[in-house]
Amino acid sequence: MRRDGLRVDDAGGTRHVRVHATTQAADVGVADLVVVLVKSFQTDAAIRGAQSLVGPDTAVLSLQNGLGHEDILIDVVGRERVLAGKTYVGGVLRGAGHIESGVIGKYTYIGELDGRITPRVQAIADAFNTAGLATTISDNIVGTMWDKLLVNVATGALTGLTGLTYGQLYDEPLLKATSLAAVAEAIAAAQAAGVTLSMTDPEQAWTLAAEGLPATFKTSMLQSLEKGSITEIDFINGSVVRCGQRYGVPTPVNATLVACIKGLERAMADRQRQEAAA
């Protein structure tokens, strides 16, 4: 990417963007804002490896899928630096330095953990909006994160298990019924935890998940499995199961989806070990 830039395919066509890309945080120095967008299970290693980016006034913002990342970041950089957020922007890695972007019609939400509207969160939102990333400040960021979780619960595990694109998934009534059941469990768990949601009908999450995305779109969970990588299931459906256990809400559909994805990951890992030993 340093040589050729980043190729971006979106609704407006294809363009090449010049970027300063590096794998060494020390090459960058202290930043005003560190955005964490690695896979959930890589969060701890990523932020520890990026500590040279963090100065006294640096804000650290997670826009990852699932729940629990902020606690990991707080342990490393301190609560005063951590902001939370969620983005509905989708993307597909087509190759080295080549992405398909789904920005059109998709929103990003950011906020302070305590709900305050501060100058720093306003400055970040202004910068994102100026760059074309439609961003709203939330005074209920925990609820906002749960809203996004509902969308991930609706489609992630199901596409990972079936290998279906969005177009295929949304053409299967049985899979829609399973999705709605999983989302209903997540809504019940969130409400038991005292979370204020903007969506209380599973149909809303099912519809929102596909808005603005092509029929060929693949979820990040399916993309991970196709690449031979483990998934973020523990931070998505697994978060629903843990919340349900804590507040006495049954979550059998989500528990089953977690178990099935774990089974796929086990089979994948065994196959990779066998191939490496051959």
Foldseek 3Di string as FASTA:
>chain_A
DCPFAAWEQEPVGIDGDHDDDDPQLLVPAADQEAEDEDAQVCLLVVCVRNVRNHDPNHAYEYQYAFDDSLVSNCVPRNLVRYKYKHWLKDKDDPDVRYIYTQQPPIAIEIERPQLDDDPSVVVVCVVCVVVPHHYDYGSQRVQVNLLRLLLCLLPQLVCQLVVAFQLVQVVDVVSNVLSQLQSQLSLVLCVLVVRDHPDNGSVVSNVSNCPRHDSRHDDPNNVQVVVLHQHNLCRRLVVSCVSCVVRVGDRVSSVVSSVSSVVSNVVSVVVVVVVVVD
